[in-house]
Amino acid sequence: TIVVIKRNGTDGIVFPLTSTSCLFGRKTECDIRMRLPWVSNEHC
C-alpha cells in the first residue's frame, strides 16, 4: 500500500498497490496524480 502522509504528519488516503506498476506525476494517466506545476508529468 501507499499511504499519503498529510502535511500535519497524519496518515491520509491509502492506495492499494494491486498492479505491478504505479506511476506518480501530473499526467491524467498517472496512478497517483498530483496537480502541482513543479511535479513532472511522470515523476517516479
PDB file of all heavy atoms in Angstrom:
ATOM      1  N   THR A   1       0.850  -1.191   0.000  1.00  0.00           N
ATOM      2  CA  THR A   1       0.000   0.000   0.000  1.00  0.00           C
ATOM      3  C   THR A   1       0.883   1.237   0.000  1.00  0.00           C
ATOM      4  O   THR A   1       2.031   1.207   0.449  1.00  0.00           O
ATOM      5  CB  THR A   1      -0.929   0.053   1.231  1.00  0.00           C
ATOM      6  OG1 THR A   1      -0.149  -0.040   2.411  1.00  0.00           O
ATOM      7  CG2 THR A   1      -1.961  -1.046   1.218  1.00  0.00           C
ATOM      8  N   ILE A   2       0.304   2.304  -0.509  1.00  0.00           N
ATOM      9  CA  ILE A   2       0.958   3.602  -0.499  1.00  0.00           C
ATOM     10  C   ILE A   2       0.060   4.507   0.331  1.00  0.00           C
ATOM     11  O   ILE A   2      -1.114   4.708  -0.001  1.00  0.00           O
ATOM     12  CB  ILE A   2       1.134   4.141  -1.925  1.00  0.00           C
ATOM     13  CG1 ILE A   2       2.016   3.172  -2.711  1.00  0.00           C
ATOM     14  CG2 ILE A   2       1.728   5.539  -1.896  1.00  0.00           C
ATOM     15  CD1 ILE A   2       1.906   3.303  -4.186  1.00  0.00           C
ATOM     16  N   VAL A   3       0.602   5.029   1.419  1.00  0.00           N
ATOM     17  CA  VAL A   3      -0.157   5.863   2.343  1.00  0.00           C
ATOM     18  C   VAL A   3       0.272   7.306   2.145  1.00  0.00           C
ATOM     19  O   VAL A   3       1.460   7.630   2.242  1.00  0.00           O
ATOM     20  CB  VAL A   3       0.097   5.437   3.805  1.00  0.00           C
ATOM     21  CG1 VAL A   3      -0.706   6.296   4.774  1.00  0.00           C
ATOM     22  CG2 VAL A   3      -0.217   3.963   4.003  1.00  0.00           C
ATOM     23  N   VAL A   4      -0.703   8.174   1.865  1.00  0.00           N
ATOM     24  CA  VAL A   4      -0.408   9.597   1.769  1.00  0.00           C
ATOM     25  C   VAL A   4      -0.156  10.113   3.181  1.00  0.00           C
ATOM     26  O   VAL A   4      -0.923   9.834   4.101  1.00  0.00           O
ATOM     27  CB  VAL A   4      -1.595  10.363   1.132  1.00  0.00           C
ATOM     28  CG1 VAL A   4      -1.344  11.865   1.147  1.00  0.00           C
ATOM     29  CG2 VAL A   4      -1.856   9.872  -0.281  1.00  0.00           C
ATOM     30  N   ILE A   5       0.932  10.858   3.344  1.00  0.00           N
ATOM     31  CA  ILE A   5       1.214  11.490   4.631  1.00  0.00           C
ATOM     32  C   ILE A   5       0.776  12.946   4.503  1.00  0.00           C
ATOM     33  O   ILE A   5       1.321  13.694   3.682  1.00  0.00           O
ATOM     34  CB  ILE A   5       2.707  11.385   5.003  1.00  0.00           C
ATOM     35  CG1 ILE A   5       3.126   9.919   5.073  1.00  0.00           C
ATOM     36  CG2 ILE A   5       2.979  12.107   6.319  1.00  0.00           C
ATOM     37  CD1 ILE A   5       4.615   9.712   5.256  1.00  0.00           C
ATOM     38  N   LYS A   6      -0.214  13.324   5.290  1.00  0.00           N
ATOM     39  CA  LYS A   6      -0.717  14.695   5.243  1.00  0.00           C
ATOM     40  C   LYS A   6       0.349  15.662   5.742  1.00  0.00           C
ATOM     41  O   LYS A   6       1.293  15.272   6.424  1.00  0.00           O
ATOM     42  CB  LYS A   6      -1.975  14.832   6.111  1.00  0.00           C
ATOM     43  CG  LYS A   6      -3.154  14.030   5.617  1.00  0.00           C
ATOM     44  CD  LYS A   6      -4.322  14.253   6.558  1.00  0.00           C
ATOM     45  CE  LYS A   6      -5.540  13.463   6.170  1.00  0.00           C
ATOM     46  NZ  LYS A   6      -6.651  13.721   7.094  1.00  0.00           N
ATOM     47  N   ARG A   7       0.166  16.907   5.430  1.00  0.00           N
ATOM     48  CA  ARG A   7       1.150  17.925   5.838  1.00  0.00           C
ATOM     49  C   ARG A   7       1.277  18.037   7.350  1.00  0.00           C
ATOM     50  O   ARG A   7       2.309  18.441   7.862  1.00  0.00           O
ATOM     51  CB  ARG A   7       0.798  19.261   5.215  1.00  0.00           C
ATOM     52  CG  ARG A   7       1.022  19.221   3.719  1.00  0.00           C
ATOM     53  CD  ARG A   7       0.826  20.539   3.072  1.00  0.00           C
ATOM     54  NE  ARG A   7       1.067  20.358   1.640  1.00  0.00           N
ATOM     55  CZ  ARG A   7       0.652  21.166   0.729  1.00  0.00           C
ATOM     56  NH1 ARG A   7      -0.028  22.237   1.040  1.00  0.00           N
ATOM     57  NH2 ARG A   7       0.911  20.923  -0.547  1.00  0.00           N
ATOM     58  N   ASN A   8       0.229  17.663   8.086  1.00  0.00           N
ATOM     59  CA  ASN A   8       0.311  17.710   9.552  1.00  0.00           C
ATOM     60  C   ASN A   8       0.940  16.438  10.129  1.00  0.00           C
ATOM     61  O   ASN A   8       1.037  16.279  11.333  1.00  0.00           O
ATOM     62  CB  ASN A   8      -1.067  17.970  10.177  1.00  0.00           C
ATOM     63  CG  ASN A   8      -2.045  16.833   9.954  1.00  0.00           C
ATOM     64  OD1 ASN A   8      -1.700  15.779   9.428  1.00  0.00           O
ATOM     65  ND2 ASN A   8      -3.284  17.053  10.341  1.00  0.00           N
ATOM     66  N   GLY A   9       1.365  15.524   9.240  1.00  0.00           N
ATOM     67  CA  GLY A   9       2.058  14.311   9.676  1.00  0.00           C
ATOM     68  C   GLY A   9       1.180  13.095   9.885  1.00  0.00           C
ATOM     69  O   GLY A   9       1.682  12.004  10.112  1.00  0.00           O
ATOM     70  N   THR A  10      -0.136  13.262   9.809  1.00  0.00           N
ATOM     71  CA  THR A  10      -1.032  12.123  10.000  1.00  0.00           C
ATOM     72  C   THR A  10      -1.233  11.387   8.678  1.00  0.00           C
ATOM     73  O   THR A  10      -0.952  11.919   7.607  1.00  0.00           O
ATOM     74  CB  THR A  10      -2.397  12.567  10.564  1.00  0.00           C
ATOM     75  OG1 THR A  10      -3.010  13.461   9.623  1.00  0.00           O
ATOM     76  CG2 THR A  10      -2.233  13.266  11.904  1.00  0.00           C
ATOM     77  N   ASP A  11      -1.727  10.165   8.775  1.00  0.00           N
ATOM     78  CA  ASP A  11      -1.989   9.368   7.577  1.00  0.00           C
ATOM     79  C   ASP A  11      -3.231   9.874   6.861  1.00  0.00           C
ATOM     80  O   ASP A  11      -4.222  10.245   7.487  1.00  0.00           O
ATOM     81  CB  ASP A  11      -2.196   7.899   7.941  1.00  0.00           C
ATOM     82  CG  ASP A  11      -0.900   7.235   8.363  1.00  0.00           C
ATOM     83  OD1 ASP A  11       0.159   7.887   8.335  1.00  0.00           O
ATOM     84  OD2 ASP A  11      -0.947   6.041   8.728  1.00  0.00           O
ATOM     85  N   GLY A  12      -3.144   9.863   5.536  1.00  0.00           N
ATOM     86  CA  GLY A  12      -4.271  10.261   4.701  1.00  0.00           C
ATOM     87  C   GLY A  12      -4.793   9.064   3.927  1.00  0.00           C
ATOM     88  O   GLY A  12      -4.862   7.945   4.443  1.00  0.00           O
ATOM     89  N   ILE A  13      -5.109   9.294   2.676  1.00  0.00           N
ATOM     90  CA  ILE A  13      -5.670   8.266   1.804  1.00  0.00           C
ATOM     91  C   ILE A  13      -4.670   7.113   1.642  1.00  0.00           C
ATOM     92  O   ILE A  13      -3.466   7.327   1.573  1.00  0.00           O
ATOM     93  CB  ILE A  13      -6.010   8.865   0.423  1.00  0.00           C
ATOM     94  CG1 ILE A  13      -7.043   9.976   0.570  1.00  0.00           C
ATOM     95  CG2 ILE A  13      -6.491   7.801  -0.545  1.00  0.00           C
ATOM     96  CD1 ILE A  13      -7.262  10.767  -0.701  1.00  0.00           C
ATOM     97  N   VAL A  14      -5.197   5.904   1.554  1.00  0.00           N
ATOM     98  CA  VAL A  14      -4.372   4.711   1.354  1.00  0.00           C
ATOM     99  C   VAL A  14      -4.688   4.151  -0.034  1.00  0.00           C
ATOM    100  O   VAL A  14      -5.846   3.912  -0.360  1.00  0.00           O
ATOM    101  CB  VAL A  14      -4.661   3.650   2.442  1.00  0.00           C
ATOM    102  CG1 VAL A  14      -3.874   2.377   2.171  1.00  0.00           C
ATOM    103  CG2 VAL A  14      -4.338   4.206   3.820  1.00  0.00           C
ATOM    104  N   PHE A  15      -3.640   3.986  -0.838  1.00  0.00           N
ATOM    105  CA  PHE A  15      -3.790   3.417  -2.172  1.00  0.00           C
ATOM    106  C   PHE A  15      -3.263   1.991  -2.154  1.00  0.00           C
ATOM    107  O   PHE A  15      -2.077   1.782  -1.897  1.00  0.00           O
ATOM    108  CB  PHE A  15      -2.984   4.217  -3.204  1.00  0.00           C
ATOM    109  CG  PHE A  15      -3.456   5.622  -3.406  1.00  0.00           C
ATOM    110  CD1 PHE A  15      -2.858   6.672  -2.722  1.00  0.00           C
ATOM    111  CD2 PHE A  15      -4.494   5.909  -4.278  1.00  0.00           C
ATOM    112  CE1 PHE A  15      -3.277   7.976  -2.908  1.00  0.00           C
ATOM    113  CE2 PHE A  15      -4.926   7.216  -4.464  1.00  0.00           C
ATOM    114  CZ  PHE A  15      -4.313   8.249  -3.775  1.00  0.00           C
ATOM    115  N   PRO A  16      -4.113   0.994  -2.436  1.00  0.00           N
ATOM    116  CA  PRO A  16      -3.591  -0.374  -2.530  1.00  0.00           C
ATOM    117  C   PRO A  16      -2.786  -0.532  -3.819  1.00  0.00           C
ATOM    118  O   PRO A  16      -3.170  -0.012  -4.864  1.00  0.00           O
ATOM    119  CB  PRO A  16      -4.855  -1.231  -2.555  1.00  0.00           C
ATOM    120  CG  PRO A  16      -5.932  -0.326  -3.038  1.00  0.00           C
ATOM    121  CD  PRO A  16      -5.541   1.070  -2.640  1.00  0.00           C
ATOM    122  N   LEU A  17      -1.669  -1.194  -3.728  1.00  0.00           N
ATOM    123  CA  LEU A  17      -0.826  -1.442  -4.890  1.00  0.00           C
ATOM    124  C   LEU A  17      -1.196  -2.826  -5.417  1.00  0.00           C
ATOM    125  O   LEU A  17      -0.738  -3.842  -4.899  1.00  0.00           O
ATOM    126  CB  LEU A  17       0.641  -1.363  -4.480  1.00  0.00           C
ATOM    127  CG  LEU A  17       1.700  -1.391  -5.559  1.00  0.00           C
ATOM    128  CD1 LEU A  17       1.462  -0.302  -6.599  1.00  0.00           C
ATOM    129  CD2 LEU A  17       3.078  -1.227  -4.944  1.00  0.00           C
ATOM    130  N   THR A  18      -2.075  -2.841  -6.423  1.00  0.00           N
ATOM    131  CA  THR A  18      -2.604  -4.112  -6.922  1.00  0.00           C
ATOM    132  C   THR A  18      -2.090  -4.479  -8.313  1.00  0.00           C
ATOM    133  O   THR A  18      -2.369  -5.570  -8.797  1.00  0.00           O
ATOM    134  CB  THR A  18      -4.145  -4.082  -6.960  1.00  0.00           C
ATOM    135  OG1 THR A  18      -4.558  -2.969  -7.747  1.00  0.00           O
ATOM    136  CG2 THR A  18      -4.718  -3.975  -5.557  1.00  0.00           C
ATOM    137  N   SER A  19      -1.353  -3.587  -8.954  1.00  0.00           N
ATOM    138  CA  SER A  19      -0.741  -3.932 -10.238  1.00  0.00           C
ATOM    139  C   SER A  19       0.766  -3.871 -10.071  1.00  0.00           C
ATOM    140  O   SER A  19       1.275  -3.416  -9.048  1.00  0.00           O
ATOM    141  CB  SER A  19      -1.216  -2.989 -11.353  1.00  0.00           C
ATOM    142  OG  SER A  19      -0.667  -1.706 -11.163  1.00  0.00           O
ATOM    143  N   THR A  20       1.496  -4.308 -11.075  1.00  0.00           N
ATOM    144  CA  THR A  20       2.947  -4.390 -10.953  1.00  0.00           C
ATOM    145  C   THR A  20       3.646  -3.058 -11.232  1.00  0.00           C
ATOM    146  O   THR A  20       4.866  -3.003 -11.261  1.00  0.00           O
ATOM    147  CB  THR A  20       3.507  -5.461 -11.899  1.00  0.00           C
ATOM    148  OG1 THR A  20       3.102  -5.152 -13.228  1.00  0.00           O
ATOM    149  CG2 THR A  20       3.024  -6.843 -11.489  1.00  0.00           C
ATOM    150  N   SER A  21       2.870  -1.994 -11.399  1.00  0.00           N
ATOM    151  CA  SER A  21       3.461  -0.684 -11.631  1.00  0.00           C
ATOM    152  C   SER A  21       2.531   0.401 -11.096  1.00  0.00           C
ATOM    153  O   SER A  21       1.306   0.286 -11.203  1.00  0.00           O
ATOM    154  CB  SER A  21       3.696  -0.476 -13.134  1.00  0.00           C
ATOM    155  OG  SER A  21       4.285   0.773 -13.366  1.00  0.00           O
ATOM    156  N   CYS A  22       3.112   1.449 -10.517  1.00  0.00           N
ATOM    157  CA  CYS A  22       2.339   2.586 -10.012  1.00  0.00           C
ATOM    158  C   CYS A  22       3.098   3.856 -10.386  1.00  0.00           C
ATOM    159  O   CYS A  22       4.210   4.088  -9.908  1.00  0.00           O
ATOM    160  CB  CYS A  22       2.158   2.487  -8.498  1.00  0.00           C
ATOM    161  SG  CYS A  22       1.238   3.874  -7.802  1.00  0.00           S
ATOM    162  N   LEU A  23       2.481   4.664 -11.231  1.00  0.00           N
ATOM    163  CA  LEU A  23       3.118   5.869 -11.748  1.00  0.00           C
ATOM    164  C   LEU A  23       2.615   7.099 -10.999  1.00  0.00           C
ATOM    165  O   LEU A  23       1.409   7.292 -10.827  1.00  0.00           O
ATOM    166  CB  LEU A  23       2.810   6.002 -13.250  1.00  0.00           C
ATOM    167  CG  LEU A  23       3.433   7.172 -13.999  1.00  0.00           C
ATOM    168  CD1 LEU A  23       4.959   7.104 -13.963  1.00  0.00           C
ATOM    169  CD2 LEU A  23       2.940   7.173 -15.449  1.00  0.00           C
ATOM    170  N   PHE A  24       3.548   7.938 -10.531  1.00  0.00           N
ATOM    171  CA  PHE A  24       3.244   9.197  -9.851  1.00  0.00           C
ATOM    172  C   PHE A  24       3.563  10.333 -10.815  1.00  0.00           C
ATOM    173  O   PHE A  24       4.590  10.298 -11.489  1.00  0.00           O
ATOM    174  CB  PHE A  24       4.151   9.394  -8.623  1.00  0.00           C
ATOM    175  CG  PHE A  24       3.963   8.412  -7.517  1.00  0.00           C
ATOM    176  CD1 PHE A  24       4.414   7.107  -7.620  1.00  0.00           C
ATOM    177  CD2 PHE A  24       3.373   8.816  -6.332  1.00  0.00           C
ATOM    178  CE1 PHE A  24       4.274   6.217  -6.573  1.00  0.00           C
ATOM    179  CE2 PHE A  24       3.230   7.930  -5.276  1.00  0.00           C
ATOM    180  CZ  PHE A  24       3.675   6.631  -5.400  1.00  0.00           C
ATOM    181  N   GLY A  25       2.708  11.347 -10.852  1.00  0.00           N
ATOM    182  CA  GLY A  25       3.011  12.502 -11.687  1.00  0.00           C
ATOM    183  C   GLY A  25       1.812  13.388 -11.911  1.00  0.00           C
ATOM    184  O   GLY A  25       0.785  13.261 -11.245  1.00  0.00           O
ATOM    185  N   ARG A  26       1.963  14.296 -12.889  1.00  0.00           N
ATOM    186  CA  ARG A  26       0.928  15.293 -13.165  1.00  0.00           C
ATOM    187  C   ARG A  26      -0.031  14.865 -14.284  1.00  0.00           C
ATOM    188  O   ARG A  26      -1.142  15.371 -14.378  1.00  0.00           O
ATOM    189  CB  ARG A  26       1.615  16.617 -13.524  1.00  0.00           C
ATOM    190  CG  ARG A  26       0.758  17.820 -13.307  1.00  0.00           C
ATOM    191  CD  ARG A  26       1.508  19.134 -13.492  1.00  0.00           C
ATOM    192  NE  ARG A  26       1.964  19.286 -14.857  1.00  0.00           N
ATOM    193  CZ  ARG A  26       3.206  19.608 -15.220  1.00  0.00           C
ATOM    194  NH1 ARG A  26       4.116  19.823 -14.306  1.00  0.00           N
ATOM    195  NH2 ARG A  26       3.556  19.717 -16.479  1.00  0.00           N
ATOM    196  N   LYS A  27       0.389  13.918 -15.133  1.00  0.00           N
ATOM    197  CA  LYS A  27      -0.462  13.489 -16.251  1.00  0.00           C
ATOM    198  C   LYS A  27      -1.730  12.810 -15.749  1.00  0.00           C
ATOM    199  O   LYS A  27      -1.734  12.169 -14.691  1.00  0.00           O
ATOM    200  CB  LYS A  27       0.285  12.490 -17.151  1.00  0.00           C
ATOM    201  CG  LYS A  27       1.263  13.133 -18.062  1.00  0.00           C
ATOM    202  CD  LYS A  27       2.003  12.231 -19.029  1.00  0.00           C
ATOM    203  CE  LYS A  27       1.602  10.826 -19.207  1.00  0.00           C
ATOM    204  NZ  LYS A  27       2.428  10.090 -20.162  1.00  0.00           N
ATOM    205  N   THR A  28      -2.791  12.927 -16.533  1.00  0.00           N
ATOM    206  CA  THR A  28      -4.053  12.286 -16.153  1.00  0.00           C
ATOM    207  C   THR A  28      -3.930  10.765 -16.149  1.00  0.00           C
ATOM    208  O   THR A  28      -4.690  10.086 -15.466  1.00  0.00           O
ATOM    209  CB  THR A  28      -5.201  12.704 -17.091  1.00  0.00           C
ATOM    210  OG1 THR A  28      -4.823  12.410 -18.436  1.00  0.00           O
ATOM    211  CG2 THR A  28      -5.518  14.182 -16.949  1.00  0.00           C
ATOM    212  N   GLU A  29      -2.972  10.198 -16.871  1.00  0.00           N
ATOM    213  CA  GLU A  29      -2.789   8.743 -16.928  1.00  0.00           C
ATOM    214  C   GLU A  29      -2.061   8.187 -15.708  1.00  0.00           C
ATOM    215  O   GLU A  29      -1.957   6.970 -15.556  1.00  0.00           O
ATOM    216  CB  GLU A  29      -1.991   8.346 -18.192  1.00  0.00           C
ATOM    217  CG  GLU A  29      -2.696   8.649 -19.489  1.00  0.00           C
ATOM    218  CD  GLU A  29      -2.514  10.100 -19.947  1.00  0.00           C
ATOM    219  OE1 GLU A  29      -1.642  10.814 -19.425  1.00  0.00           O
ATOM    220  OE2 GLU A  29      -3.268  10.513 -20.824  1.00  0.00           O
ATOM    221  N   CYS A  30      -1.553   9.048 -14.842  1.00  0.00           N
ATOM    222  CA  CYS A  30      -0.812   8.579 -13.671  1.00  0.00           C
ATOM    223  C   CYS A  30      -1.745   7.903 -12.678  1.00  0.00           C
ATOM    224  O   CYS A  30      -2.904   8.289 -12.520  1.00  0.00           O
ATOM    225  CB  CYS A  30      -0.092   9.750 -12.991  1.00  0.00           C
ATOM    226  SG  CYS A  30       1.290  10.376 -13.961  1.00  0.00           S
ATOM    227  N   ASP A  31      -1.220   6.907 -11.988  1.00  0.00           N
ATOM    228  CA  ASP A  31      -1.989   6.200 -10.972  1.00  0.00           C
ATOM    229  C   ASP A  31      -2.214   7.087  -9.750  1.00  0.00           C
ATOM    230  O   ASP A  31      -3.287   7.071  -9.157  1.00  0.00           O
ATOM    231  CB  ASP A  31      -1.264   4.913 -10.559  1.00  0.00           C
ATOM    232  CG  ASP A  31      -1.057   3.988 -11.745  1.00  0.00           C
ATOM    233  OD1 ASP A  31      -2.072   3.543 -12.315  1.00  0.00           O
ATOM    234  OD2 ASP A  31       0.104   3.735 -12.102  1.00  0.00           O
ATOM    235  N   ILE A  32      -1.192   7.836  -9.371  1.00  0.00           N
ATOM    236  CA  ILE A  32      -1.317   8.819  -8.289  1.00  0.00           C
ATOM    237  C   ILE A  32      -0.953  10.161  -8.894  1.00  0.00           C
ATOM    238  O   ILE A  32       0.198  10.403  -9.254  1.00  0.00           O
ATOM    239  CB  ILE A  32      -0.414   8.459  -7.085  1.00  0.00           C
ATOM    240  CG1 ILE A  32      -0.861   7.119  -6.511  1.00  0.00           C
ATOM    241  CG2 ILE A  32      -0.483   9.572  -6.030  1.00  0.00           C
ATOM    242  CD1 ILE A  32      -0.070   6.644  -5.321  1.00  0.00           C
ATOM    243  N   ARG A  33      -1.971  10.985  -9.036  1.00  0.00           N
ATOM    244  CA  ARG A  33      -1.825  12.252  -9.751  1.00  0.00           C
ATOM    245  C   ARG A  33      -1.704  13.412  -8.772  1.00  0.00           C
ATOM    246  O   ARG A  33      -2.474  13.513  -7.817  1.00  0.00           O
ATOM    247  CB  ARG A  33      -3.038  12.462 -10.652  1.00  0.00           C
ATOM    248  CG  ARG A  33      -2.902  13.653 -11.536  1.00  0.00           C
ATOM    249  CD  ARG A  33      -4.026  13.687 -12.541  1.00  0.00           C
ATOM    250  NE  ARG A  33      -3.894  14.881 -13.355  1.00  0.00           N
ATOM    251  CZ  ARG A  33      -4.896  15.592 -13.788  1.00  0.00           C
ATOM    252  NH1 ARG A  33      -6.130  15.217 -13.517  1.00  0.00           N
ATOM    253  NH2 ARG A  33      -4.689  16.658 -14.509  1.00  0.00           N
ATOM    254  N   MET A  34      -0.727  14.282  -9.029  1.00  0.00           N
ATOM    255  CA  MET A  34      -0.525  15.486  -8.228  1.00  0.00           C
ATOM    256  C   MET A  34      -0.568  16.684  -9.162  1.00  0.00           C
ATOM    257  O   MET A  34       0.206  16.761 -10.113  1.00  0.00           O
ATOM    258  CB  MET A  34       0.820  15.410  -7.514  1.00  0.00           C
ATOM    259  CG  MET A  34       0.849  14.344  -6.451  1.00  0.00           C
ATOM    260  SD  MET A  34       2.500  14.036  -5.864  1.00  0.00           S
ATOM    261  CE  MET A  34       3.106  13.018  -7.177  1.00  0.00           C
ATOM    262  N   ARG A  35      -1.455  17.591  -8.885  1.00  0.00           N
ATOM    263  CA  ARG A  35      -1.646  18.748  -9.759  1.00  0.00           C
ATOM    264  C   ARG A  35      -0.837  19.955  -9.286  1.00  0.00           C
ATOM    265  O   ARG A  35      -1.383  21.013  -9.058  1.00  0.00           O
ATOM    266  CB  ARG A  35      -3.118  19.101  -9.828  1.00  0.00           C
ATOM    267  CG  ARG A  35      -3.941  17.999 -10.428  1.00  0.00           C
ATOM    268  CD  ARG A  35      -5.351  18.450 -10.565  1.00  0.00           C
ATOM    269  NE  ARG A  35      -6.240  17.313 -10.478  1.00  0.00           N
ATOM    270  CZ  ARG A  35      -7.536  17.400 -10.572  1.00  0.00           C
ATOM    271  NH1 ARG A  35      -8.112  18.566 -10.710  1.00  0.00           N
ATOM    272  NH2 ARG A  35      -8.267  16.326 -10.498  1.00  0.00           N
ATOM    273  N   LEU A  36       0.438  19.773  -9.133  1.00  0.00           N
ATOM    274  CA  LEU A  36       1.336  20.863  -8.779  1.00  0.00           C
ATOM    275  C   LEU A  36       2.217  21.156  -9.989  1.00  0.00           C
ATOM    276  O   LEU A  36       2.718  20.226 -10.634  1.00  0.00           O
ATOM    277  CB  LEU A  36       2.222  20.474  -7.592  1.00  0.00           C
ATOM    278  CG  LEU A  36       1.514  20.189  -6.274  1.00  0.00           C
ATOM    279  CD1 LEU A  36       2.497  19.619  -5.251  1.00  0.00           C
ATOM    280  CD2 LEU A  36       0.896  21.464  -5.736  1.00  0.00           C
ATOM    281  N   PRO A  37       2.435  22.418 -10.303  1.00  0.00           N
ATOM    282  CA  PRO A  37       3.219  22.739 -11.507  1.00  0.00           C
ATOM    283  C   PRO A  37       4.665  22.250 -11.450  1.00  0.00           C
ATOM    284  O   PRO A  37       5.293  22.048 -12.486  1.00  0.00           O
ATOM    285  CB  PRO A  37       3.157  24.262 -11.581  1.00  0.00           C
ATOM    286  CG  PRO A  37       2.738  24.737 -10.245  1.00  0.00           C
ATOM    287  CD  PRO A  37       1.971  23.621  -9.613  1.00  0.00           C
ATOM    288  N   TRP A  38       5.220  22.012 -10.259  1.00  0.00           N
ATOM    289  CA  TRP A  38       6.605  21.574 -10.132  1.00  0.00           C
ATOM    290  C   TRP A  38       6.744  20.071 -10.271  1.00  0.00           C
ATOM    291  O   TRP A  38       7.853  19.567 -10.387  1.00  0.00           O
ATOM    292  CB  TRP A  38       7.168  22.015  -8.777  1.00  0.00           C
ATOM    293  CG  TRP A  38       6.967  23.467  -8.550  1.00  0.00           C
ATOM    294  CD1 TRP A  38       7.707  24.492  -9.069  1.00  0.00           C
ATOM    295  CD2 TRP A  38       5.929  24.060  -7.776  1.00  0.00           C
ATOM    296  NE1 TRP A  38       7.189  25.692  -8.658  1.00  0.00           N
ATOM    297  CE2 TRP A  38       6.100  25.462  -7.854  1.00  0.00           C
ATOM    298  CE3 TRP A  38       4.879  23.568  -7.024  1.00  0.00           C
ATOM    299  CZ2 TRP A  38       5.248  26.352  -7.217  1.00  0.00           C
ATOM    300  CZ3 TRP A  38       4.031  24.457  -6.391  1.00  0.00           C
ATOM    301  CH2 TRP A  38       4.227  25.826  -6.490  1.00  0.00           C
ATOM    302  N   VAL A  39       5.624  19.346 -10.238  1.00  0.00           N
ATOM    303  CA  VAL A  39       5.656  17.890 -10.396  1.00  0.00           C
ATOM    304  C   VAL A  39       5.753  17.582 -11.884  1.00  0.00           C
ATOM    305  O   VAL A  39       5.029  18.149 -12.699  1.00  0.00           O
ATOM    306  CB  VAL A  39       4.389  17.243  -9.780  1.00  0.00           C
ATOM    307  CG1 VAL A  39       4.337  15.757 -10.075  1.00  0.00           C
ATOM    308  CG2 VAL A  39       4.324  17.507  -8.286  1.00  0.00           C
ATOM    309  N   SER A  40       6.659  16.678 -12.236  1.00  0.00           N
ATOM    310  CA  SER A  40       6.818  16.284 -13.640  1.00  0.00           C
ATOM    311  C   SER A  40       5.599  15.502 -14.107  1.00  0.00           C
ATOM    312  O   SER A  40       4.878  14.915 -13.293  1.00  0.00           O
ATOM    313  CB  SER A  40       8.066  15.412 -13.803  1.00  0.00           C
ATOM    314  OG  SER A  40       9.218  16.120 -13.433  1.00  0.00           O
ATOM    315  N   ASN A  41       5.389  15.482 -15.422  1.00  0.00           N
ATOM    316  CA  ASN A  41       4.273  14.706 -15.978  1.00  0.00           C
ATOM    317  C   ASN A  41       4.359  13.259 -15.511  1.00  0.00           C
ATOM    318  O   ASN A  41       3.354  12.653 -15.151  1.00  0.00           O
ATOM    319  CB  ASN A  41       4.275  14.772 -17.502  1.00  0.00           C
ATOM    320  CG  ASN A  41       3.746  16.086 -18.013  1.00  0.00           C
ATOM    321  OD1 ASN A  41       2.920  16.735 -17.370  1.00  0.00           O
ATOM    322  ND2 ASN A  41       4.239  16.508 -19.167  1.00  0.00           N
ATOM    323  N   GLU A  42       5.543  12.687 -15.536  1.00  0.00           N
ATOM    324  CA  GLU A  42       5.813  11.360 -14.986  1.00  0.00           C
ATOM    325  C   GLU A  42       6.995  11.539 -14.044  1.00  0.00           C
ATOM    326  O   GLU A  42       8.135  11.649 -14.474  1.00  0.00           O
ATOM    327  CB  GLU A  42       6.125  10.355 -16.100  1.00  0.00           C
ATOM    328  CG  GLU A  42       4.928  10.083 -16.982  1.00  0.00           C
ATOM    329  CD  GLU A  42       5.201   9.035 -18.041  1.00  0.00           C
ATOM    330  OE1 GLU A  42       6.371   8.585 -18.184  1.00  0.00           O
ATOM    331  OE2 GLU A  42       4.254   8.653 -18.738  1.00  0.00           O
ATOM    332  N   HIS A  43       6.719  11.584 -12.745  1.00  0.00           N
ATOM    333  CA  HIS A  43       7.734  11.971 -11.768  1.00  0.00           C
ATOM    334  C   HIS A  43       8.545  10.779 -11.248  1.00  0.00           C
ATOM    335  O   HIS A  43       9.761  10.834 -11.170  1.00  0.00           O
ATOM    336  CB  HIS A  43       7.067  12.705 -10.598  1.00  0.00           C
ATOM    337  CG  HIS A  43       7.997  13.638  -9.911  1.00  0.00           C
ATOM    338  ND1 HIS A  43       8.089  14.967 -10.247  1.00  0.00           N
ATOM    339  CD2 HIS A  43       8.886  13.433  -8.923  1.00  0.00           C
ATOM    340  CE1 HIS A  43       9.001  15.549  -9.483  1.00  0.00           C
ATOM    341  NE2 HIS A  43       9.499  14.629  -8.670  1.00  0.00           N
ATOM    342  N   CYS A  44       7.856   9.723 -10.867  1.00  0.00           N
ATOM    343  CA  CYS A  44       8.526   8.498 -10.409  1.00  0.00           C
ATOM    344  C   CYS A  44       7.542   7.352 -10.535  1.00  0.00           C
ATOM    345  O   CYS A  44       6.351   7.565 -10.780  1.00  0.00           O
ATOM    346  CB  CYS A  44       9.040   8.627  -8.975  1.00  0.00           C
ATOM    347  SG  CYS A  44       7.769   8.747  -7.702  1.00  0.00           S
TER     348      CYS A  44
END
